Amino acid sequence: FYQPSREMPATFTALMPALSWIQEH
């Protein structure tokens, strides 16, 4: 049922590398 979409707001996705790094390290 899933149709991929690439319309994620850049302001949200831009921080994900930092959030993931903090979570793991």
mmCIF file of all heavy atoms, coordinates in Angstrom:
data_MODEL
# 
_entry.id   MODEL 
# 
loop_
_atom_site.group_PDB 
_atom_site.id 
_atom_site.type_symbol 
_atom_site.label_atom_id 
_atom_site.label_alt_id 
_atom_site.label_comp_id 
_atom_site.label_asym_id 
_atom_site.label_entity_id 
_atom_site.label_seq_id 
_atom_site.pdbx_PDB_ins_code 
_atom_site.Cartn_x 
_atom_site.Cartn_y 
_atom_site.Cartn_z 
_atom_site.occupancy 
_atom_site.B_iso_or_equiv 
_atom_site.pdbx_formal_charge 
_atom_site.auth_seq_id 
_atom_site.auth_comp_id 
_atom_site.auth_asym_id 
_atom_site.auth_atom_id 
_atom_site.pdbx_PDB_model_num 
ATOM 1   N N   . PHE A 1 1  ? 0.809  -1.215 0.000  1.00 0.00 ? 1  PHE A N   1 
ATOM 2   C CA  . PHE A 1 1  ? 0.000  0.000  0.000  1.00 0.00 ? 1  PHE A CA  1 
ATOM 3   C C   . PHE A 1 1  ? 0.846  1.270  0.000  1.00 0.00 ? 1  PHE A C   1 
ATOM 4   O O   . PHE A 1 1  ? 0.306  2.363  -0.133 1.00 0.00 ? 1  PHE A O   1 
ATOM 5   C CB  . PHE A 1 1  ? -0.911 0.025  1.245  1.00 0.00 ? 1  PHE A CB  1 
ATOM 6   C CG  . PHE A 1 1  ? -1.897 -1.106 1.297  1.00 0.00 ? 1  PHE A CG  1 
ATOM 7   C CD1 . PHE A 1 1  ? -1.543 -2.327 1.866  1.00 0.00 ? 1  PHE A CD1 1 
ATOM 8   C CD2 . PHE A 1 1  ? -3.166 -0.958 0.773  1.00 0.00 ? 1  PHE A CD2 1 
ATOM 9   C CE1 . PHE A 1 1  ? -2.459 -3.369 1.933  1.00 0.00 ? 1  PHE A CE1 1 
ATOM 10  C CE2 . PHE A 1 1  ? -4.087 -1.997 0.829  1.00 0.00 ? 1  PHE A CE2 1 
ATOM 11  C CZ  . PHE A 1 1  ? -3.729 -3.205 1.399  1.00 0.00 ? 1  PHE A CZ  1 
ATOM 12  N N   . TYR A 1 2  ? 2.148  1.105  0.144  1.00 0.00 ? 2  TYR A N   1 
ATOM 13  C CA  . TYR A 1 2  ? 2.993  2.288  0.359  1.00 0.00 ? 2  TYR A CA  1 
ATOM 14  C C   . TYR A 1 2  ? 3.481  2.893  -0.946 1.00 0.00 ? 2  TYR A C   1 
ATOM 15  O O   . TYR A 1 2  ? 3.995  2.193  -1.814 1.00 0.00 ? 2  TYR A O   1 
ATOM 16  C CB  . TYR A 1 2  ? 4.204  1.921  1.229  1.00 0.00 ? 2  TYR A CB  1 
ATOM 17  C CG  . TYR A 1 2  ? 5.095  3.105  1.531  1.00 0.00 ? 2  TYR A CG  1 
ATOM 18  C CD1 . TYR A 1 2  ? 4.587  4.219  2.180  1.00 0.00 ? 2  TYR A CD1 1 
ATOM 19  C CD2 . TYR A 1 2  ? 6.427  3.100  1.149  1.00 0.00 ? 2  TYR A CD2 1 
ATOM 20  C CE1 . TYR A 1 2  ? 5.391  5.309  2.456  1.00 0.00 ? 2  TYR A CE1 1 
ATOM 21  C CE2 . TYR A 1 2  ? 7.243  4.184  1.423  1.00 0.00 ? 2  TYR A CE2 1 
ATOM 22  C CZ  . TYR A 1 2  ? 6.718  5.285  2.076  1.00 0.00 ? 2  TYR A CZ  1 
ATOM 23  O OH  . TYR A 1 2  ? 7.514  6.373  2.342  1.00 0.00 ? 2  TYR A OH  1 
ATOM 24  N N   . GLN A 1 3  ? 3.319  4.188  -1.053 1.00 0.00 ? 3  GLN A N   1 
ATOM 25  C CA  . GLN A 1 3  ? 3.840  4.932  -2.196 1.00 0.00 ? 3  GLN A CA  1 
ATOM 26  C C   . GLN A 1 3  ? 4.874  5.925  -1.675 1.00 0.00 ? 3  GLN A C   1 
ATOM 27  O O   . GLN A 1 3  ? 4.519  6.887  -0.990 1.00 0.00 ? 3  GLN A O   1 
ATOM 28  C CB  . GLN A 1 3  ? 2.715  5.684  -2.924 1.00 0.00 ? 3  GLN A CB  1 
ATOM 29  C CG  . GLN A 1 3  ? 1.682  4.767  -3.553 1.00 0.00 ? 3  GLN A CG  1 
ATOM 30  C CD  . GLN A 1 3  ? 0.586  5.534  -4.255 1.00 0.00 ? 3  GLN A CD  1 
ATOM 31  O OE1 . GLN A 1 3  ? 0.456  6.737  -4.104 1.00 0.00 ? 3  GLN A OE1 1 
ATOM 32  N NE2 . GLN A 1 3  ? -0.201 4.827  -5.041 1.00 0.00 ? 3  GLN A NE2 1 
ATOM 33  N N   . PRO A 1 4  ? 6.151  5.680  -1.955 1.00 0.00 ? 4  PRO A N   1 
ATOM 34  C CA  . PRO A 1 4  ? 7.215  6.546  -1.424 1.00 0.00 ? 4  PRO A CA  1 
ATOM 35  C C   . PRO A 1 4  ? 6.998  8.006  -1.782 1.00 0.00 ? 4  PRO A C   1 
ATOM 36  O O   . PRO A 1 4  ? 6.537  8.334  -2.868 1.00 0.00 ? 4  PRO A O   1 
ATOM 37  C CB  . PRO A 1 4  ? 8.487  5.990  -2.084 1.00 0.00 ? 4  PRO A CB  1 
ATOM 38  C CG  . PRO A 1 4  ? 8.147  4.576  -2.415 1.00 0.00 ? 4  PRO A CG  1 
ATOM 39  C CD  . PRO A 1 4  ? 6.694  4.593  -2.786 1.00 0.00 ? 4  PRO A CD  1 
ATOM 40  N N   . SER A 1 5  ? 7.337  8.851  -0.846 1.00 0.00 ? 5  SER A N   1 
ATOM 41  C CA  . SER A 1 5  ? 7.251  10.294 -1.071 1.00 0.00 ? 5  SER A CA  1 
ATOM 42  C C   . SER A 1 5  ? 8.531  10.937 -0.567 1.00 0.00 ? 5  SER A C   1 
ATOM 43  O O   . SER A 1 5  ? 9.046  10.586 0.494  1.00 0.00 ? 5  SER A O   1 
ATOM 44  C CB  . SER A 1 5  ? 6.059  10.891 -0.323 1.00 0.00 ? 5  SER A CB  1 
ATOM 45  O OG  . SER A 1 5  ? 6.082  12.290 -0.372 1.00 0.00 ? 5  SER A OG  1 
ATOM 46  N N   . ARG A 1 6  ? 9.048  11.877 -1.327 1.00 0.00 ? 6  ARG A N   1 
ATOM 47  C CA  . ARG A 1 6  ? 10.283 12.555 -0.950 1.00 0.00 ? 6  ARG A CA  1 
ATOM 48  C C   . ARG A 1 6  ? 10.027 14.010 -0.553 1.00 0.00 ? 6  ARG A C   1 
ATOM 49  O O   . ARG A 1 6  ? 10.884 14.851 -0.634 1.00 0.00 ? 6  ARG A O   1 
ATOM 50  C CB  . ARG A 1 6  ? 11.266 12.525 -2.139 1.00 0.00 ? 6  ARG A CB  1 
ATOM 51  C CG  . ARG A 1 6  ? 11.771 11.121 -2.451 1.00 0.00 ? 6  ARG A CG  1 
ATOM 52  C CD  . ARG A 1 6  ? 12.509 10.515 -1.287 1.00 0.00 ? 6  ARG A CD  1 
ATOM 53  N NE  . ARG A 1 6  ? 12.973 9.169  -1.595 1.00 0.00 ? 6  ARG A NE  1 
ATOM 54  C CZ  . ARG A 1 6  ? 13.615 8.403  -0.714 1.00 0.00 ? 6  ARG A CZ  1 
ATOM 55  N NH1 . ARG A 1 6  ? 13.839 8.844  0.503  1.00 0.00 ? 6  ARG A NH1 1 
ATOM 56  N NH2 . ARG A 1 6  ? 14.012 7.186  -1.061 1.00 0.00 ? 6  ARG A NH2 1 
ATOM 57  N N   . GLU A 1 7  ? 8.787  14.289 -0.125 1.00 0.00 ? 7  GLU A N   1 
ATOM 58  C CA  . GLU A 1 7  ? 8.446  15.668 0.184  1.00 0.00 ? 7  GLU A CA  1 
ATOM 59  C C   . GLU A 1 7  ? 8.575  15.981 1.669  1.00 0.00 ? 7  GLU A C   1 
ATOM 60  O O   . GLU A 1 7  ? 7.799  16.734 2.230  1.00 0.00 ? 7  GLU A O   1 
ATOM 61  C CB  . GLU A 1 7  ? 7.020  15.968 -0.283 1.00 0.00 ? 7  GLU A CB  1 
ATOM 62  C CG  . GLU A 1 7  ? 6.848  15.811 -1.791 1.00 0.00 ? 7  GLU A CG  1 
ATOM 63  C CD  . GLU A 1 7  ? 5.434  16.093 -2.224 1.00 0.00 ? 7  GLU A CD  1 
ATOM 64  O OE1 . GLU A 1 7  ? 4.594  16.365 -1.343 1.00 0.00 ? 7  GLU A OE1 1 
ATOM 65  O OE2 . GLU A 1 7  ? 5.181  16.054 -3.437 1.00 0.00 ? 7  GLU A OE2 1 
ATOM 66  N N   . MET A 1 8  ? 9.581  15.383 2.341  1.00 0.00 ? 8  MET A N   1 
ATOM 67  C CA  . MET A 1 8  ? 9.810  15.682 3.743  1.00 0.00 ? 8  MET A CA  1 
ATOM 68  C C   . MET A 1 8  ? 10.413 17.072 3.886  1.00 0.00 ? 8  MET A C   1 
ATOM 69  O O   . MET A 1 8  ? 11.329 17.432 3.162  1.00 0.00 ? 8  MET A O   1 
ATOM 70  C CB  . MET A 1 8  ? 10.764 14.649 4.355  1.00 0.00 ? 8  MET A CB  1 
ATOM 71  C CG  . MET A 1 8  ? 10.160 13.274 4.491  1.00 0.00 ? 8  MET A CG  1 
ATOM 72  S SD  . MET A 1 8  ? 8.709  13.269 5.573  1.00 0.00 ? 8  MET A SD  1 
ATOM 73  C CE  . MET A 1 8  ? 9.450  13.777 7.112  1.00 0.00 ? 8  MET A CE  1 
ATOM 74  N N   . PRO A 1 9  ? 9.906  17.903 4.815  1.00 0.00 ? 9  PRO A N   1 
ATOM 75  C CA  . PRO A 1 9  ? 10.459 19.232 5.003  1.00 0.00 ? 9  PRO A CA  1 
ATOM 76  C C   . PRO A 1 9  ? 11.943 19.170 5.338  1.00 0.00 ? 9  PRO A C   1 
ATOM 77  O O   . PRO A 1 9  ? 12.367 18.412 6.216  1.00 0.00 ? 9  PRO A O   1 
ATOM 78  C CB  . PRO A 1 9  ? 9.645  19.784 6.189  1.00 0.00 ? 9  PRO A CB  1 
ATOM 79  C CG  . PRO A 1 9  ? 8.392  18.973 6.202  1.00 0.00 ? 9  PRO A CG  1 
ATOM 80  C CD  . PRO A 1 9  ? 8.794  17.612 5.712  1.00 0.00 ? 9  PRO A CD  1 
ATOM 81  N N   . ALA A 1 10 ? 12.738 19.969 4.654  1.00 0.00 ? 10 ALA A N   1 
ATOM 82  C CA  . ALA A 1 10 ? 14.188 19.944 4.851  1.00 0.00 ? 10 ALA A CA  1 
ATOM 83  C C   . ALA A 1 10 ? 14.565 20.326 6.272  1.00 0.00 ? 10 ALA A C   1 
ATOM 84  O O   . ALA A 1 10 ? 15.547 19.827 6.820  1.00 0.00 ? 10 ALA A O   1 
ATOM 85  C CB  . ALA A 1 10 ? 14.860 20.891 3.857  1.00 0.00 ? 10 ALA A CB  1 
ATOM 86  N N   . THR A 1 11 ? 13.770 21.193 6.902  1.00 0.00 ? 11 THR A N   1 
ATOM 87  C CA  . THR A 1 11 ? 14.087 21.607 8.263  1.00 0.00 ? 11 THR A CA  1 
ATOM 88  C C   . THR A 1 11 ? 14.002 20.460 9.249  1.00 0.00 ? 11 THR A C   1 
ATOM 89  O O   . THR A 1 11 ? 14.693 20.445 10.259 1.00 0.00 ? 11 THR A O   1 
ATOM 90  C CB  . THR A 1 11 ? 13.136 22.726 8.716  1.00 0.00 ? 11 THR A CB  1 
ATOM 91  O OG1 . THR A 1 11 ? 11.779 22.303 8.488  1.00 0.00 ? 11 THR A OG1 1 
ATOM 92  C CG2 . THR A 1 11 ? 13.391 24.005 7.952  1.00 0.00 ? 11 THR A CG2 1 
ATOM 93  N N   . PHE A 1 12 ? 13.144 19.472 8.966  1.00 0.00 ? 12 PHE A N   1 
ATOM 94  C CA  . PHE A 1 12 ? 13.026 18.310 9.841  1.00 0.00 ? 12 PHE A CA  1 
ATOM 95  C C   . PHE A 1 12 ? 14.148 17.308 9.582  1.00 0.00 ? 12 PHE A C   1 
ATOM 96  O O   . PHE A 1 12 ? 14.803 16.816 10.491 1.00 0.00 ? 12 PHE A O   1 
ATOM 97  C CB  . PHE A 1 12 ? 11.679 17.626 9.623  1.00 0.00 ? 12 PHE A CB  1 
ATOM 98  C CG  . PHE A 1 12 ? 10.509 18.426 10.129 1.00 0.00 ? 12 PHE A CG  1 
ATOM 99  C CD1 . PHE A 1 12 ? 9.245  18.179 9.632  1.00 0.00 ? 12 PHE A CD1 1 
ATOM 100 C CD2 . PHE A 1 12 ? 10.665 19.407 11.091 1.00 0.00 ? 12 PHE A CD2 1 
ATOM 101 C CE1 . PHE A 1 12 ? 8.142  18.908 10.080 1.00 0.00 ? 12 PHE A CE1 1 
ATOM 102 C CE2 . PHE A 1 12 ? 9.576  20.141 11.553 1.00 0.00 ? 12 PHE A CE2 1 
ATOM 103 C CZ  . PHE A 1 12 ? 8.320  19.890 11.043 1.00 0.00 ? 12 PHE A CZ  1 
ATOM 104 N N   . THR A 1 13 ? 14.361 16.990 8.325  1.00 0.00 ? 13 THR A N   1 
ATOM 105 C CA  . THR A 1 13 ? 15.325 15.948 7.986  1.00 0.00 ? 13 THR A CA  1 
ATOM 106 C C   . THR A 1 13 ? 16.767 16.388 8.194  1.00 0.00 ? 13 THR A C   1 
ATOM 107 O O   . THR A 1 13 ? 17.636 15.543 8.417  1.00 0.00 ? 13 THR A O   1 
ATOM 108 C CB  . THR A 1 13 ? 15.148 15.510 6.527  1.00 0.00 ? 13 THR A CB  1 
ATOM 109 O OG1 . THR A 1 13 ? 15.320 16.640 5.671  1.00 0.00 ? 13 THR A OG1 1 
ATOM 110 C CG2 . THR A 1 13 ? 13.770 14.932 6.301  1.00 0.00 ? 13 THR A CG2 1 
ATOM 111 N N   . ALA A 1 14 ? 17.027 17.683 8.136  1.00 0.00 ? 14 ALA A N   1 
ATOM 112 C CA  . ALA A 1 14 ? 18.406 18.167 8.248  1.00 0.00 ? 14 ALA A CA  1 
ATOM 113 C C   . ALA A 1 14 ? 19.035 17.817 9.587  1.00 0.00 ? 14 ALA A C   1 
ATOM 114 O O   . ALA A 1 14 ? 20.255 17.637 9.682  1.00 0.00 ? 14 ALA A O   1 
ATOM 115 C CB  . ALA A 1 14 ? 18.455 19.684 8.029  1.00 0.00 ? 14 ALA A CB  1 
ATOM 116 N N   . LEU A 1 15 ? 18.225 17.697 10.618 1.00 0.00 ? 15 LEU A N   1 
ATOM 117 C CA  . LEU A 1 15 ? 18.745 17.445 11.961 1.00 0.00 ? 15 LEU A CA  1 
ATOM 118 C C   . LEU A 1 15 ? 18.882 15.964 12.292 1.00 0.00 ? 15 LEU A C   1 
ATOM 119 O O   . LEU A 1 15 ? 19.480 15.611 13.303 1.00 0.00 ? 15 LEU A O   1 
ATOM 120 C CB  . LEU A 1 15 ? 17.840 18.100 13.005 1.00 0.00 ? 15 LEU A CB  1 
ATOM 121 C CG  . LEU A 1 15 ? 17.769 19.624 12.986 1.00 0.00 ? 15 LEU A CG  1 
ATOM 122 C CD1 . LEU A 1 15 ? 16.714 20.104 13.967 1.00 0.00 ? 15 LEU A CD1 1 
ATOM 123 C CD2 . LEU A 1 15 ? 19.120 20.236 13.317 1.00 0.00 ? 15 LEU A CD2 1 
ATOM 124 N N   . MET A 1 16 ? 18.341 15.094 11.465 1.00 0.00 ? 16 MET A N   1 
ATOM 125 C CA  . MET A 1 16 ? 18.326 13.675 11.794 1.00 0.00 ? 16 MET A CA  1 
ATOM 126 C C   . MET A 1 16 ? 19.710 13.065 12.006 1.00 0.00 ? 16 MET A C   1 
ATOM 127 O O   . MET A 1 16 ? 19.887 12.238 12.900 1.00 0.00 ? 16 MET A O   1 
ATOM 128 C CB  . MET A 1 16 ? 17.557 12.889 10.723 1.00 0.00 ? 16 MET A CB  1 
ATOM 129 C CG  . MET A 1 16 ? 16.067 13.202 10.694 1.00 0.00 ? 16 MET A CG  1 
ATOM 130 S SD  . MET A 1 16 ? 15.237 13.003 12.296 1.00 0.00 ? 16 MET A SD  1 
ATOM 131 C CE  . MET A 1 16 ? 15.432 11.241 12.574 1.00 0.00 ? 16 MET A CE  1 
ATOM 132 N N   . PRO A 1 17 ? 20.750 13.435 11.219 1.00 0.00 ? 17 PRO A N   1 
ATOM 133 C CA  . PRO A 1 17 ? 22.077 12.871 11.496 1.00 0.00 ? 17 PRO A CA  1 
ATOM 134 C C   . PRO A 1 17 ? 22.570 13.175 12.907 1.00 0.00 ? 17 PRO A C   1 
ATOM 135 O O   . PRO A 1 17 ? 23.162 12.319 13.569 1.00 0.00 ? 17 PRO A O   1 
ATOM 136 C CB  . PRO A 1 17 ? 22.967 13.533 10.429 1.00 0.00 ? 17 PRO A CB  1 
ATOM 137 C CG  . PRO A 1 17 ? 22.038 13.850 9.311  1.00 0.00 ? 17 PRO A CG  1 
ATOM 138 C CD  . PRO A 1 17 ? 20.746 14.248 9.977  1.00 0.00 ? 17 PRO A CD  1 
ATOM 139 N N   . ALA A 1 18 ? 22.308 14.391 13.382 1.00 0.00 ? 18 ALA A N   1 
ATOM 140 C CA  . ALA A 1 18 ? 22.729 14.761 14.731 1.00 0.00 ? 18 ALA A CA  1 
ATOM 141 C C   . ALA A 1 18 ? 21.923 14.020 15.781 1.00 0.00 ? 18 ALA A C   1 
ATOM 142 O O   . ALA A 1 18 ? 22.471 13.527 16.777 1.00 0.00 ? 18 ALA A O   1 
ATOM 143 C CB  . ALA A 1 18 ? 22.604 16.265 14.932 1.00 0.00 ? 18 ALA A CB  1 
ATOM 144 N N   . LEU A 1 19 ? 20.615 13.924 15.581 1.00 0.00 ? 19 LEU A N   1 
ATOM 145 C CA  . LEU A 1 19 ? 19.763 13.226 16.542 1.00 0.00 ? 19 LEU A CA  1 
ATOM 146 C C   . LEU A 1 19 ? 20.129 11.752 16.641 1.00 0.00 ? 19 LEU A C   1 
ATOM 147 O O   . LEU A 1 19 ? 20.185 11.181 17.730 1.00 0.00 ? 19 LEU A O   1 
ATOM 148 C CB  . LEU A 1 19 ? 18.293 13.383 16.143 1.00 0.00 ? 19 LEU A CB  1 
ATOM 149 C CG  . LEU A 1 19 ? 17.730 14.815 16.195 1.00 0.00 ? 19 LEU A CG  1 
ATOM 150 C CD1 . LEU A 1 19 ? 16.323 14.843 15.626 1.00 0.00 ? 19 LEU A CD1 1 
ATOM 151 C CD2 . LEU A 1 19 ? 17.743 15.340 17.618 1.00 0.00 ? 19 LEU A CD2 1 
ATOM 152 N N   . SER A 1 20 ? 20.392 11.142 15.495 1.00 0.00 ? 20 SER A N   1 
ATOM 153 C CA  . SER A 1 20 ? 20.780 9.729  15.487 1.00 0.00 ? 20 SER A CA  1 
ATOM 154 C C   . SER A 1 20 ? 22.130 9.533  16.177 1.00 0.00 ? 20 SER A C   1 
ATOM 155 O O   . SER A 1 20 ? 22.328 8.563  16.920 1.00 0.00 ? 20 SER A O   1 
ATOM 156 C CB  . SER A 1 20 ? 20.843 9.207  14.053 1.00 0.00 ? 20 SER A CB  1 
ATOM 157 O OG  . SER A 1 20 ? 19.574 9.260  13.444 1.00 0.00 ? 20 SER A OG  1 
ATOM 158 N N   . TRP A 1 21 ? 23.051 10.462 15.927 1.00 0.00 ? 21 TRP A N   1 
ATOM 159 C CA  . TRP A 1 21 ? 24.382 10.352 16.540 1.00 0.00 ? 21 TRP A CA  1 
ATOM 160 C C   . TRP A 1 21 ? 24.280 10.472 18.061 1.00 0.00 ? 21 TRP A C   1 
ATOM 161 O O   . TRP A 1 21 ? 24.900 9.698  18.799 1.00 0.00 ? 21 TRP A O   1 
ATOM 162 C CB  . TRP A 1 21 ? 25.306 11.427 15.979 1.00 0.00 ? 21 TRP A CB  1 
ATOM 163 C CG  . TRP A 1 21 ? 26.669 11.406 16.602 1.00 0.00 ? 21 TRP A CG  1 
ATOM 164 C CD1 . TRP A 1 21 ? 27.114 12.187 17.631 1.00 0.00 ? 21 TRP A CD1 1 
ATOM 165 C CD2 . TRP A 1 21 ? 27.759 10.535 16.280 1.00 0.00 ? 21 TRP A CD2 1 
ATOM 166 N NE1 . TRP A 1 21 ? 28.404 11.859 17.960 1.00 0.00 ? 21 TRP A NE1 1 
ATOM 167 C CE2 . TRP A 1 21 ? 28.821 10.851 17.153 1.00 0.00 ? 21 TRP A CE2 1 
ATOM 168 C CE3 . TRP A 1 21 ? 27.924 9.528  15.329 1.00 0.00 ? 21 TRP A CE3 1 
ATOM 169 C CZ2 . TRP A 1 21 ? 30.050 10.188 17.086 1.00 0.00 ? 21 TRP A CZ2 1 
ATOM 170 C CZ3 . TRP A 1 21 ? 29.152 8.870  15.274 1.00 0.00 ? 21 TRP A CZ3 1 
ATOM 171 C CH2 . TRP A 1 21 ? 30.185 9.201  16.140 1.00 0.00 ? 21 TRP A CH2 1 
ATOM 172 N N   . ILE A 1 22 ? 23.518 11.441 18.548 1.00 0.00 ? 22 ILE A N   1 
ATOM 173 C CA  . ILE A 1 22 ? 23.351 11.602 19.993 1.00 0.00 ? 22 ILE A CA  1 
ATOM 174 C C   . ILE A 1 22 ? 22.721 10.359 20.601 1.00 0.00 ? 22 ILE A C   1 
ATOM 175 O O   . ILE A 1 22 ? 23.135 9.880  21.658 1.00 0.00 ? 22 ILE A O   1 
ATOM 176 C CB  . ILE A 1 22 ? 22.498 12.846 20.295 1.00 0.00 ? 22 ILE A CB  1 
ATOM 177 C CG1 . ILE A 1 22 ? 23.250 14.121 19.904 1.00 0.00 ? 22 ILE A CG1 1 
ATOM 178 C CG2 . ILE A 1 22 ? 22.122 12.892 21.773 1.00 0.00 ? 22 ILE A CG2 1 
ATOM 179 C CD1 . ILE A 1 22 ? 22.420 15.387 20.037 1.00 0.00 ? 22 ILE A CD1 1 
ATOM 180 N N   . GLN A 1 23 ? 21.715 9.815  19.939 1.00 0.00 ? 23 GLN A N   1 
ATOM 181 C CA  . GLN A 1 23 ? 21.037 8.634  20.452 1.00 0.00 ? 23 GLN A CA  1 
ATOM 182 C C   . GLN A 1 23 ? 21.981 7.456  20.601 1.00 0.00 ? 23 GLN A C   1 
ATOM 183 O O   . GLN A 1 23 ? 21.907 6.700  21.567 1.00 0.00 ? 23 GLN A O   1 
ATOM 184 C CB  . GLN A 1 23 ? 19.874 8.263  19.526 1.00 0.00 ? 23 GLN A CB  1 
ATOM 185 C CG  . GLN A 1 23 ? 19.105 7.030  19.952 1.00 0.00 ? 23 GLN A CG  1 
ATOM 186 C CD  . GLN A 1 23 ? 18.405 7.212  21.282 1.00 0.00 ? 23 GLN A CD  1 
ATOM 187 O OE1 . GLN A 1 23 ? 18.052 8.333  21.643 1.00 0.00 ? 23 GLN A OE1 1 
ATOM 188 N NE2 . GLN A 1 23 ? 18.202 6.141  22.004 1.00 0.00 ? 23 GLN A NE2 1 
ATOM 189 N N   . GLU A 1 24 ? 22.893 7.276  19.667 1.00 0.00 ? 24 GLU A N   1 
ATOM 190 C CA  . GLU A 1 24 ? 23.793 6.124  19.674 1.00 0.00 ? 24 GLU A CA  1 
ATOM 191 C C   . GLU A 1 24 ? 25.083 6.375  20.448 1.00 0.00 ? 24 GLU A C   1 
ATOM 192 O O   . GLU A 1 24 ? 25.707 5.430  20.934 1.00 0.00 ? 24 GLU A O   1 
ATOM 193 C CB  . GLU A 1 24 ? 24.131 5.729  18.238 1.00 0.00 ? 24 GLU A CB  1 
ATOM 194 C CG  . GLU A 1 24 ? 22.927 5.240  17.441 1.00 0.00 ? 24 GLU A CG  1 
ATOM 195 C CD  . GLU A 1 24 ? 23.293 4.886  16.011 1.00 0.00 ? 24 GLU A CD  1 
ATOM 196 O OE1 . GLU A 1 24 ? 24.503 4.810  15.712 1.00 0.00 ? 24 GLU A OE1 1 
ATOM 197 O OE2 . GLU A 1 24 ? 22.376 4.689  15.189 1.00 0.00 ? 24 GLU A OE2 1 
ATOM 198 N N   . HIS A 1 25 ? 25.500 7.645  20.577 1.00 0.00 ? 25 HIS A N   1 
ATOM 199 C CA  . HIS A 1 25 ? 26.815 7.947  21.166 1.00 0.00 ? 25 HIS A CA  1 
ATOM 200 C C   . HIS A 1 25 ? 26.721 8.985  22.273 1.00 0.00 ? 25 HIS A C   1 
ATOM 201 O O   . HIS A 1 25 ? 27.659 9.752  22.478 1.00 0.00 ? 25 HIS A O   1 
ATOM 202 C CB  . HIS A 1 25 ? 27.763 8.447  20.070 1.00 0.00 ? 25 HIS A CB  1 
ATOM 203 C CG  . HIS A 1 25 ? 27.907 7.519  18.911 1.00 0.00 ? 25 HIS A CG  1 
ATOM 204 N ND1 . HIS A 1 25 ? 28.706 6.394  18.945 1.00 0.00 ? 25 HIS A ND1 1 
ATOM 205 C CD2 . HIS A 1 25 ? 27.342 7.537  17.679 1.00 0.00 ? 25 HIS A CD2 1 
ATOM 206 C CE1 . HIS A 1 25 ? 28.642 5.767  17.781 1.00 0.00 ? 25 HIS A CE1 1 
ATOM 207 N NE2 . HIS A 1 25 ? 27.816 6.436  16.998 1.00 0.00 ? 25 HIS A NE2 1 
# 
